[in-house]
Amino acid sequence: MAAAASAAAPLVTHGQRLAILPAVYGIDDLREAIALYDTIVLMKVNRTLLDALANLERLGLAGRTIYVRRASTESERVVQNIQELTSEDLDYFSLLIIRR
């Protein structure tokens, strides 16, 4: 919730569905989640960030994804354009908010 608030991006609104998943899910699982849910939050994306970004590109969702690192801390960073991510952004306490 803190990450969504920092990104000024509501996770869901009236009747929408939300899925919260570990980032270790592969592209097939991500495709299924996107088909079933309006918003998907991928938790702890540091080790799998590059794969997750490639999958989002293939699914046409890169422009609908927000990256949040260390929400509600002094080192918080919100990236609205995931193409701007750098290796310095990789962090265990990070997530991707993906809106369908």
PDB file of N, CA and C in Angstrom:
ATOM      1  N   MET A   1       0.824  -1.182   0.000  1.00  0.00           N
ATOM      2  CA  MET A   1       0.000   0.000   0.000  1.00  0.00           C
ATOM      3  C   MET A   1       0.875   1.255   0.000  1.00  0.00           C
ATOM      4  N   ALA A   2       1.971   1.228   0.737  1.00  0.00           N
ATOM      5  CA  ALA A   2       2.858   2.390   0.768  1.00  0.00           C
ATOM      6  C   ALA A   2       3.462   2.650  -0.606  1.00  0.00           C
ATOM      7  N   ALA A   3       3.807   1.585  -1.319  1.00  0.00           N
ATOM      8  CA  ALA A   3       4.376   1.749  -2.663  1.00  0.00           C
ATOM      9  C   ALA A   3       3.357   2.377  -3.606  1.00  0.00           C
ATOM     10  N   ALA A   4       2.129   1.915  -3.557  1.00  0.00           N
ATOM     11  CA  ALA A   4       1.080   2.485  -4.411  1.00  0.00           C
ATOM     12  C   ALA A   4       0.845   3.941  -4.057  1.00  0.00           C
ATOM     13  N   ALA A   5       0.840   4.272  -2.766  1.00  0.00           N
ATOM     14  CA  ALA A   5       0.653   5.658  -2.344  1.00  0.00           C
ATOM     15  C   ALA A   5       1.807   6.531  -2.837  1.00  0.00           C
ATOM     16  N   SER A   6       3.031   6.046  -2.722  1.00  0.00           N
ATOM     17  CA  SER A   6       4.189   6.808  -3.190  1.00  0.00           C
ATOM     18  C   SER A   6       4.148   7.031  -4.696  1.00  0.00           C
ATOM     19  N   ALA A   7       3.636   6.053  -5.412  1.00  0.00           N
ATOM     20  CA  ALA A   7       3.551   6.147  -6.872  1.00  0.00           C
ATOM     21  C   ALA A   7       2.317   6.914  -7.329  1.00  0.00           C
ATOM     22  N   ALA A   8       1.461   7.290  -6.379  1.00  0.00           N
ATOM     23  CA  ALA A   8       0.190   7.964  -6.699  1.00  0.00           C
ATOM     24  C   ALA A   8      -0.602   7.124  -7.700  1.00  0.00           C
ATOM     25  N   ALA A   9      -0.635   5.820  -7.455  1.00  0.00           N
ATOM     26  CA  ALA A   9      -1.300   4.884  -8.351  1.00  0.00           C
ATOM     27  C   ALA A   9      -2.175   3.947  -7.536  1.00  0.00           C
ATOM     28  N   PRO A  10      -3.483   4.163  -7.527  1.00  0.00           N
ATOM     29  CA  PRO A  10      -4.341   3.231  -6.791  1.00  0.00           C
ATOM     30  C   PRO A  10      -4.176   1.821  -7.346  1.00  0.00           C
ATOM     31  N   LEU A  11      -4.127   0.855  -6.471  1.00  0.00           N
ATOM     32  CA  LEU A  11      -3.951  -0.525  -6.932  1.00  0.00           C
ATOM     33  C   LEU A  11      -5.183  -1.013  -7.684  1.00  0.00           C
ATOM     34  N   VAL A  12      -6.343  -0.782  -7.136  1.00  0.00           N
ATOM     35  CA  VAL A  12      -7.593  -1.166  -7.794  1.00  0.00           C
ATOM     36  C   VAL A  12      -8.673  -0.156  -7.428  1.00  0.00           C
ATOM     37  N   THR A  13      -9.723  -0.163  -8.217  1.00  0.00           N
ATOM     38  CA  THR A  13     -10.912   0.621  -7.906  1.00  0.00           C
ATOM     39  C   THR A  13     -12.113  -0.305  -7.980  1.00  0.00           C
ATOM     40  N   HIS A  14     -13.259   0.206  -7.814  1.00  0.00           N
ATOM     41  CA  HIS A  14     -14.533  -0.514  -7.741  1.00  0.00           C
ATOM     42  C   HIS A  14     -14.583  -1.812  -8.541  1.00  0.00           C
ATOM     43  N   GLY A  15     -14.580  -2.911  -7.838  1.00  0.00           N
ATOM     44  CA  GLY A  15     -14.775  -4.210  -8.463  1.00  0.00           C
ATOM     45  C   GLY A  15     -13.587  -4.781  -9.208  1.00  0.00           C
ATOM     46  N   GLN A  16     -12.464  -4.084  -9.239  1.00  0.00           N
ATOM     47  CA  GLN A  16     -11.293  -4.622  -9.914  1.00  0.00           C
ATOM     48  C   GLN A  16     -10.614  -5.654  -9.032  1.00  0.00           C
ATOM     49  N   ARG A  17      -9.805  -6.488  -9.683  1.00  0.00           N
ATOM     50  CA  ARG A  17      -9.141  -7.586  -8.974  1.00  0.00           C
ATOM     51  C   ARG A  17      -7.642  -7.335  -8.899  1.00  0.00           C
ATOM     52  N   LEU A  18      -7.051  -7.735  -7.763  1.00  0.00           N
ATOM     53  CA  LEU A  18      -5.639  -7.518  -7.478  1.00  0.00           C
ATOM     54  C   LEU A  18      -4.960  -8.849  -7.187  1.00  0.00           C
ATOM     55  N   ALA A  19      -3.788  -9.052  -7.794  1.00  0.00           N
ATOM     56  CA  ALA A  19      -2.964 -10.223  -7.492  1.00  0.00           C
ATOM     57  C   ALA A  19      -1.608  -9.740  -6.987  1.00  0.00           C
ATOM     58  N   ILE A  20      -1.126 -10.357  -5.927  1.00  0.00           N
ATOM     59  CA  ILE A  20       0.198 -10.052  -5.391  1.00  0.00           C
ATOM     60  C   ILE A  20       1.001 -11.341  -5.464  1.00  0.00           C
ATOM     61  N   LEU A  21       2.089 -11.296  -6.233  1.00  0.00           N
ATOM     62  CA  LEU A  21       2.856 -12.500  -6.529  1.00  0.00           C
ATOM     63  C   LEU A  21       4.337 -12.284  -6.275  1.00  0.00           C
ATOM     64  N   PRO A  22       5.062 -13.341  -5.938  1.00  0.00           N
ATOM     65  CA  PRO A  22       6.521 -13.228  -5.903  1.00  0.00           C
ATOM     66  C   PRO A  22       7.029 -13.090  -7.330  1.00  0.00           C
ATOM     67  N   ALA A  23       8.092 -12.355  -7.512  1.00  0.00           N
ATOM     68  CA  ALA A  23       8.605 -12.089  -8.860  1.00  0.00           C
ATOM     69  C   ALA A  23       9.187 -13.318  -9.540  1.00  0.00           C
ATOM     70  N   VAL A  24       9.317 -14.426  -8.841  1.00  0.00           N
ATOM     71  CA  VAL A  24       9.890 -15.616  -9.453  1.00  0.00           C
ATOM     72  C   VAL A  24       8.940 -16.266 -10.464  1.00  0.00           C
ATOM     73  N   TYR A  25       7.716 -15.779 -10.538  1.00  0.00           N
ATOM     74  CA  TYR A  25       6.777 -16.324 -11.521  1.00  0.00           C
ATOM     75  C   TYR A  25       7.307 -16.078 -12.925  1.00  0.00           C
ATOM     76  N   GLY A  26       7.140 -17.048 -13.788  1.00  0.00           N
ATOM     77  CA  GLY A  26       7.600 -16.929 -15.165  1.00  0.00           C
ATOM     78  C   GLY A  26       6.577 -16.232 -16.037  1.00  0.00           C
ATOM     79  N   ILE A  27       6.891 -16.114 -17.305  1.00  0.00           N
ATOM     80  CA  ILE A  27       6.018 -15.380 -18.223  1.00  0.00           C
ATOM     81  C   ILE A  27       4.662 -16.057 -18.386  1.00  0.00           C
ATOM     82  N   ASP A  28       4.607 -17.381 -18.343  1.00  0.00           N
ATOM     83  CA  ASP A  28       3.316 -18.061 -18.473  1.00  0.00           C
ATOM     84  C   ASP A  28       2.406 -17.732 -17.299  1.00  0.00           C
ATOM     85  N   ASP A  29       2.958 -17.737 -16.100  1.00  0.00           N
ATOM     86  CA  ASP A  29       2.179 -17.378 -14.920  1.00  0.00           C
ATOM     87  C   ASP A  29       1.769 -15.912 -14.967  1.00  0.00           C
ATOM     88  N   LEU A  30       2.660 -15.063 -15.455  1.00  0.00           N
ATOM     89  CA  LEU A  30       2.346 -13.643 -15.571  1.00  0.00           C
ATOM     90  C   LEU A  30       1.227 -13.424 -16.584  1.00  0.00           C
ATOM     91  N   ARG A  31       1.284 -14.109 -17.702  1.00  0.00           N
ATOM     92  CA  ARG A  31       0.202 -14.016 -18.691  1.00  0.00           C
ATOM     93  C   ARG A  31      -1.134 -14.404 -18.082  1.00  0.00           C
ATOM     94  N   GLU A  32      -1.150 -15.490 -17.325  1.00  0.00           N
ATOM     95  CA  GLU A  32      -2.381 -15.949 -16.694  1.00  0.00           C
ATOM     96  C   GLU A  32      -2.889 -14.919 -15.690  1.00  0.00           C
ATOM     97  N   ALA A  33      -1.995 -14.376 -14.872  1.00  0.00           N
ATOM     98  CA  ALA A  33      -2.398 -13.366 -13.883  1.00  0.00           C
ATOM     99  C   ALA A  33      -2.950 -12.128 -14.578  1.00  0.00           C
ATOM    100  N   ILE A  34      -2.332 -11.723 -15.670  1.00  0.00           N
ATOM    101  CA  ILE A  34      -2.797 -10.541 -16.395  1.00  0.00           C
ATOM    102  C   ILE A  34      -4.177 -10.780 -16.991  1.00  0.00           C
ATOM    103  N   ALA A  35      -4.432 -11.999 -17.401  1.00  0.00           N
ATOM    104  CA  ALA A  35      -5.749 -12.323 -17.956  1.00  0.00           C
ATOM    105  C   ALA A  35      -6.837 -12.305 -16.883  1.00  0.00           C
ATOM    106  N   LEU A  36      -6.467 -12.597 -15.643  1.00  0.00           N
ATOM    107  CA  LEU A  36      -7.459 -12.734 -14.565  1.00  0.00           C
ATOM    108  C   LEU A  36      -7.578 -11.517 -13.657  1.00  0.00           C
ATOM    109  N   TYR A  37      -6.550 -10.682 -13.597  1.00  0.00           N
ATOM    110  CA  TYR A  37      -6.526  -9.583 -12.633  1.00  0.00           C
ATOM    111  C   TYR A  37      -6.287  -8.251 -13.341  1.00  0.00           C
ATOM    112  N   ASP A  38      -6.794  -7.184 -12.738  1.00  0.00           N
ATOM    113  CA  ASP A  38      -6.626  -5.841 -13.294  1.00  0.00           C
ATOM    114  C   ASP A  38      -5.267  -5.248 -12.941  1.00  0.00           C
ATOM    115  N   THR A  39      -4.777  -5.577 -11.753  1.00  0.00           N
ATOM    116  CA  THR A  39      -3.473  -5.105 -11.287  1.00  0.00           C
ATOM    117  C   THR A  39      -2.717  -6.281 -10.705  1.00  0.00           C
ATOM    118  N   ILE A  40      -1.438  -6.368 -11.069  1.00  0.00           N
ATOM    119  CA  ILE A  40      -0.566  -7.402 -10.531  1.00  0.00           C
ATOM    120  C   ILE A  40       0.611  -6.695  -9.868  1.00  0.00           C
ATOM    121  N   VAL A  41       0.924  -7.082  -8.651  1.00  0.00           N
ATOM    122  CA  VAL A  41       2.098  -6.567  -7.956  1.00  0.00           C
ATOM    123  C   VAL A  41       3.093  -7.709  -7.873  1.00  0.00           C
ATOM    124  N   LEU A  42       4.272  -7.500  -8.455  1.00  0.00           N
ATOM    125  CA  LEU A  42       5.354  -8.486  -8.366  1.00  0.00           C
ATOM    126  C   LEU A  42       6.302  -8.032  -7.265  1.00  0.00           C
ATOM    127  N   MET A  43       6.412  -8.841  -6.235  1.00  0.00           N
ATOM    128  CA  MET A  43       7.226  -8.507  -5.067  1.00  0.00           C
ATOM    129  C   MET A  43       8.664  -9.007  -5.225  1.00  0.00           C
ATOM    130  N   LYS A  44       9.585  -8.271  -4.615  1.00  0.00           N
ATOM    131  CA  LYS A  44      10.996  -8.669  -4.534  1.00  0.00           C
ATOM    132  C   LYS A  44      11.577  -8.971  -5.908  1.00  0.00           C
ATOM    133  N   VAL A  45      11.582  -7.977  -6.763  1.00  0.00           N
ATOM    134  CA  VAL A  45      11.986  -8.188  -8.153  1.00  0.00           C
ATOM    135  C   VAL A  45      13.480  -8.008  -8.410  1.00  0.00           C
ATOM    136  N   ASN A  46      14.300  -7.785  -7.409  1.00  0.00           N
ATOM    137  CA  ASN A  46      15.696  -7.464  -7.665  1.00  0.00           C
ATOM    138  C   ASN A  46      16.437  -8.498  -8.491  1.00  0.00           C
ATOM    139  N   ARG A  47      16.390  -9.752  -8.128  1.00  0.00           N
ATOM    140  CA  ARG A  47      17.144 -10.774  -8.858  1.00  0.00           C
ATOM    141  C   ARG A  47      16.539 -11.077 -10.214  1.00  0.00           C
ATOM    142  N   THR A  48      15.268 -10.875 -10.349  1.00  0.00           N
ATOM    143  CA  THR A  48      14.566 -11.252 -11.570  1.00  0.00           C
ATOM    144  C   THR A  48      14.100 -10.042 -12.364  1.00  0.00           C
ATOM    145  N   LEU A  49      14.609  -8.866 -12.017  1.00  0.00           N
ATOM    146  CA  LEU A  49      14.113  -7.646 -12.644  1.00  0.00           C
ATOM    147  C   LEU A  49      14.288  -7.659 -14.161  1.00  0.00           C
ATOM    148  N   LEU A  50      15.449  -8.027 -14.643  1.00  0.00           N
ATOM    149  CA  LEU A  50      15.683  -7.996 -16.086  1.00  0.00           C
ATOM    150  C   LEU A  50      14.760  -8.950 -16.829  1.00  0.00           C
ATOM    151  N   ASP A  51      14.555 -10.141 -16.287  1.00  0.00           N
ATOM    152  CA  ASP A  51      13.621 -11.083 -16.905  1.00  0.00           C
ATOM    153  C   ASP A  51      12.196 -10.542 -16.864  1.00  0.00           C
ATOM    154  N   ALA A  52      11.819  -9.967 -15.718  1.00  0.00           N
ATOM    155  CA  ALA A  52      10.464  -9.416 -15.578  1.00  0.00           C
ATOM    156  C   ALA A  52      10.246  -8.296 -16.582  1.00  0.00           C
ATOM    157  N   LEU A  53      11.238  -7.430 -16.759  1.00  0.00           N
ATOM    158  CA  LEU A  53      11.097  -6.328 -17.712  1.00  0.00           C
ATOM    159  C   LEU A  53      10.975  -6.841 -19.135  1.00  0.00           C
ATOM    160  N   ALA A  54      11.765  -7.849 -19.468  1.00  0.00           N
ATOM    161  CA  ALA A  54      11.678  -8.433 -20.810  1.00  0.00           C
ATOM    162  C   ALA A  54      10.295  -9.043 -21.035  1.00  0.00           C
ATOM    163  N   ASN A  55       9.782  -9.729 -20.020  1.00  0.00           N
ATOM    164  CA  ASN A  55       8.440 -10.315 -20.129  1.00  0.00           C
ATOM    165  C   ASN A  55       7.380  -9.237 -20.293  1.00  0.00           C
ATOM    166  N   LEU A  56       7.506  -8.156 -19.565  1.00  0.00           N
ATOM    167  CA  LEU A  56       6.530  -7.066 -19.669  1.00  0.00           C
ATOM    168  C   LEU A  56       6.573  -6.427 -21.048  1.00  0.00           C
ATOM    169  N   GLU A  57       7.764  -6.290 -21.606  1.00  0.00           N
ATOM    170  CA  GLU A  57       7.903  -5.771 -22.972  1.00  0.00           C
ATOM    171  C   GLU A  57       7.171  -6.684 -23.955  1.00  0.00           C
ATOM    172  N   ARG A  58       7.398  -7.990 -23.836  1.00  0.00           N
ATOM    173  CA  ARG A  58       6.754  -8.949 -24.754  1.00  0.00           C
ATOM    174  C   ARG A  58       5.239  -8.913 -24.635  1.00  0.00           C
ATOM    175  N   LEU A  59       4.745  -8.655 -23.437  1.00  0.00           N
ATOM    176  CA  LEU A  59       3.302  -8.625 -23.214  1.00  0.00           C
ATOM    177  C   LEU A  59       2.692  -7.247 -23.476  1.00  0.00           C
ATOM    178  N   GLY A  60       3.525  -6.277 -23.849  1.00  0.00           N
ATOM    179  CA  GLY A  60       3.028  -4.939 -24.142  1.00  0.00           C
ATOM    180  C   GLY A  60       2.627  -4.152 -22.901  1.00  0.00           C
ATOM    181  N   LEU A  61       3.226  -4.471 -21.755  1.00  0.00           N
ATOM    182  CA  LEU A  61       2.829  -3.830 -20.508  1.00  0.00           C
ATOM    183  C   LEU A  61       3.907  -2.930 -19.905  1.00  0.00           C
ATOM    184  N   ALA A  62       4.994  -2.726 -20.600  1.00  0.00           N
ATOM    185  CA  ALA A  62       6.081  -1.919 -20.037  1.00  0.00           C
ATOM    186  C   ALA A  62       5.606  -0.503 -19.717  1.00  0.00           C
ATOM    187  N   GLY A  63       4.757   0.063 -20.543  1.00  0.00           N
ATOM    188  CA  GLY A  63       4.251   1.412 -20.316  1.00  0.00           C
ATOM    189  C   GLY A  63       3.190   1.493 -19.241  1.00  0.00           C
ATOM    190  N   ARG A  64       2.782   0.352 -18.721  1.00  0.00           N
ATOM    191  CA  ARG A  64       1.755   0.304 -17.678  1.00  0.00           C
ATOM    192  C   ARG A  64       2.313  -0.232 -16.364  1.00  0.00           C
ATOM    193  N   THR A  65       3.616  -0.098 -16.205  1.00  0.00           N
ATOM    194  CA  THR A  65       4.300  -0.674 -15.053  1.00  0.00           C
ATOM    195  C   THR A  65       5.068   0.400 -14.299  1.00  0.00           C
ATOM    196  N   ILE A  66       4.989   0.353 -12.976  1.00  0.00           N
ATOM    197  CA  ILE A  66       5.711   1.272 -12.102  1.00  0.00           C
ATOM    198  C   ILE A  66       6.621   0.445 -11.193  1.00  0.00           C
ATOM    199  N   TYR A  67       7.838   0.909 -11.037  1.00  0.00           N
ATOM    200  CA  TYR A  67       8.803   0.270 -10.155  1.00  0.00           C
ATOM    201  C   TYR A  67       8.933   1.103  -8.877  1.00  0.00           C
ATOM    202  N   VAL A  68       8.877   0.447  -7.732  1.00  0.00           N
ATOM    203  CA  VAL A  68       9.053   1.145  -6.456  1.00  0.00           C
ATOM    204  C   VAL A  68      10.089   0.388  -5.638  1.00  0.00           C
ATOM    205  N   ARG A  69      11.122   1.120  -5.226  1.00  0.00           N
ATOM    206  CA  ARG A  69      12.179   0.548  -4.396  1.00  0.00           C
ATOM    207  C   ARG A  69      12.098   1.143  -3.002  1.00  0.00           C
ATOM    208  N   ARG A  70      12.118   0.291  -1.988  1.00  0.00           N
ATOM    209  CA  ARG A  70      12.179   0.689  -0.578  1.00  0.00           C
ATOM    210  C   ARG A  70      11.133   1.744  -0.220  1.00  0.00           C
ATOM    211  N   ALA A  71       9.877   1.413  -0.495  1.00  0.00           N
ATOM    212  CA  ALA A  71       8.767   2.329  -0.207  1.00  0.00           C
ATOM    213  C   ALA A  71       8.775   2.767   1.248  1.00  0.00           C
ATOM    214  N   SER A  72       8.486   4.009   1.449  1.00  0.00           N
ATOM    215  CA  SER A  72       8.345   4.657   2.758  1.00  0.00           C
ATOM    216  C   SER A  72       9.644   4.746   3.556  1.00  0.00           C
ATOM    217  N   THR A  73      10.780   4.654   2.883  1.00  0.00           N
ATOM    218  CA  THR A  73      12.067   4.837   3.556  1.00  0.00           C
ATOM    219  C   THR A  73      12.789   6.026   2.934  1.00  0.00           C
ATOM    220  N   GLU A  74      13.900   6.415   3.524  1.00  0.00           N
ATOM    221  CA  GLU A  74      14.685   7.531   2.980  1.00  0.00           C
ATOM    222  C   GLU A  74      15.262   7.216   1.603  1.00  0.00           C
ATOM    223  N   SER A  75      15.478   5.962   1.305  1.00  0.00           N
ATOM    224  CA  SER A  75      16.054   5.595   0.009  1.00  0.00           C
ATOM    225  C   SER A  75      14.991   5.162  -1.005  1.00  0.00           C
ATOM    226  N   GLU A  76      13.744   5.550  -0.755  1.00  0.00           N
ATOM    227  CA  GLU A  76      12.660   5.218  -1.682  1.00  0.00           C
ATOM    228  C   GLU A  76      12.932   5.819  -3.062  1.00  0.00           C
ATOM    229  N   ARG A  77      12.552   5.070  -4.074  1.00  0.00           N
ATOM    230  CA  ARG A  77      12.628   5.570  -5.452  1.00  0.00           C
ATOM    231  C   ARG A  77      11.433   5.015  -6.207  1.00  0.00           C
ATOM    232  N   VAL A  78      10.709   5.887  -6.894  1.00  0.00           N
ATOM    233  CA  VAL A  78       9.579   5.500  -7.726  1.00  0.00           C
ATOM    234  C   VAL A  78       9.960   5.808  -9.166  1.00  0.00           C
ATOM    235  N   VAL A  79       9.855   4.803 -10.031  1.00  0.00           N
ATOM    236  CA  VAL A  79      10.201   4.981 -11.437  1.00  0.00           C
ATOM    237  C   VAL A  79       8.952   4.690 -12.270  1.00  0.00           C
ATOM    238  N   GLN A  80       8.415   5.727 -12.871  1.00  0.00           N
ATOM    239  CA  GLN A  80       7.210   5.587 -13.691  1.00  0.00           C
ATOM    240  C   GLN A  80       7.541   4.994 -15.065  1.00  0.00           C
ATOM    241  N   ASN A  81       8.727   5.289 -15.580  1.00  0.00           N
ATOM    242  CA  ASN A  81       9.173   4.766 -16.876  1.00  0.00           C
ATOM    243  C   ASN A  81      10.227   3.701 -16.610  1.00  0.00           C
ATOM    244  N   ILE A  82       9.841   2.447 -16.705  1.00  0.00           N
ATOM    245  CA  ILE A  82      10.768   1.383 -16.324  1.00  0.00           C
ATOM    246  C   ILE A  82      11.975   1.275 -17.253  1.00  0.00           C
ATOM    247  N   GLN A  83      11.936   1.956 -18.391  1.00  0.00           N
ATOM    248  CA  GLN A  83      13.108   1.983 -19.264  1.00  0.00           C
ATOM    249  C   GLN A  83      14.262   2.758 -18.625  1.00  0.00           C
ATOM    250  N   GLU A  84      13.961   3.574 -17.609  1.00  0.00           N
ATOM    251  CA  GLU A  84      14.970   4.382 -16.927  1.00  0.00           C
ATOM    252  C   GLU A  84      15.677   3.632 -15.795  1.00  0.00           C
ATOM    253  N   LEU A  85      15.288   2.409 -15.535  1.00  0.00           N
ATOM    254  CA  LEU A  85      15.894   1.660 -14.432  1.00  0.00           C
ATOM    255  C   LEU A  85      17.360   1.372 -14.699  1.00  0.00           C
ATOM    256  N   THR A  86      18.133   1.436 -13.621  1.00  0.00           N
ATOM    257  CA  THR A  86      19.554   1.137 -13.718  1.00  0.00           C
ATOM    258  C   THR A  86      19.885  -0.005 -12.758  1.00  0.00           C
ATOM    259  N   SER A  87      21.090  -0.503 -12.843  1.00  0.00           N
ATOM    260  CA  SER A  87      21.504  -1.575 -11.942  1.00  0.00           C
ATOM    261  C   SER A  87      21.497  -1.111 -10.486  1.00  0.00           C
ATOM    262  N   GLU A  88      21.633   0.178 -10.247  1.00  0.00           N
ATOM    263  CA  GLU A  88      21.591   0.712  -8.885  1.00  0.00           C
ATOM    264  C   GLU A  88      20.195   0.599  -8.275  1.00  0.00           C
ATOM    265  N   ASP A  89      19.191   0.431  -9.110  1.00  0.00           N
ATOM    266  CA  ASP A  89      17.822   0.307  -8.619  1.00  0.00           C
ATOM    267  C   ASP A  89      17.511  -1.092  -8.099  1.00  0.00           C
ATOM    268  N   LEU A  90      18.332  -2.065  -8.426  1.00  0.00           N
ATOM    269  CA  LEU A  90      18.077  -3.431  -7.994  1.00  0.00           C
ATOM    270  C   LEU A  90      18.145  -3.506  -6.478  1.00  0.00           C
ATOM    271  N   ASP A  91      17.078  -3.978  -5.885  1.00  0.00           N
ATOM    272  CA  ASP A  91      16.992  -3.993  -4.438  1.00  0.00           C
ATOM    273  C   ASP A  91      16.007  -5.068  -4.012  1.00  0.00           C
ATOM    274  N   TYR A  92      16.339  -5.774  -2.973  1.00  0.00           N
ATOM    275  CA  TYR A  92      15.469  -6.841  -2.466  1.00  0.00           C
ATOM    276  C   TYR A  92      14.100  -6.298  -2.078  1.00  0.00           C
ATOM    277  N   PHE A  93      14.045  -5.084  -1.559  1.00  0.00           N
ATOM    278  CA  PHE A  93      12.782  -4.493  -1.119  1.00  0.00           C
ATOM    279  C   PHE A  93      12.203  -3.611  -2.227  1.00  0.00           C
ATOM    280  N   SER A  94      11.902  -4.249  -3.341  1.00  0.00           N
ATOM    281  CA  SER A  94      11.341  -3.521  -4.474  1.00  0.00           C
ATOM    282  C   SER A  94      10.184  -4.305  -5.054  1.00  0.00           C
ATOM    283  N   LEU A  95       9.383  -3.612  -5.853  1.00  0.00           N
ATOM    284  CA  LEU A  95       8.239  -4.281  -6.479  1.00  0.00           C
ATOM    285  C   LEU A  95       7.867  -3.577  -7.770  1.00  0.00           C
ATOM    286  N   LEU A  96       7.100  -4.293  -8.579  1.00  0.00           N
ATOM    287  CA  LEU A  96       6.531  -3.736  -9.798  1.00  0.00           C
ATOM    288  C   LEU A  96       5.018  -3.729  -9.650  1.00  0.00           C
ATOM    289  N   ILE A  97       4.405  -2.613  -9.996  1.00  0.00           N
ATOM    290  CA  ILE A  97       2.956  -2.509 -10.041  1.00  0.00           C
ATOM    291  C   ILE A  97       2.583  -2.498 -11.523  1.00  0.00           C
ATOM    292  N   ILE A  98       1.859  -3.512 -11.942  1.00  0.00           N
ATOM    293  CA  ILE A  98       1.500  -3.677 -13.353  1.00  0.00           C
ATOM    294  C   ILE A  98      -0.011  -3.500 -13.492  1.00  0.00           C
ATOM    295  N   ARG A  99      -0.414  -2.545 -14.299  1.00  0.00           N
ATOM    296  CA  ARG A  99      -1.837  -2.298 -14.540  1.00  0.00           C
ATOM    297  C   ARG A  99      -2.186  -2.793 -15.935  1.00  0.00           C
ATOM    298  N   ARG A 100      -3.246  -3.560 -16.032  1.00  0.00           N
ATOM    299  CA  ARG A 100      -3.694  -4.079 -17.316  1.00  0.00           C
ATOM    300  C   ARG A 100      -4.287  -2.975 -18.156  1.00  0.00           C
TER     301      ARG A 100
END
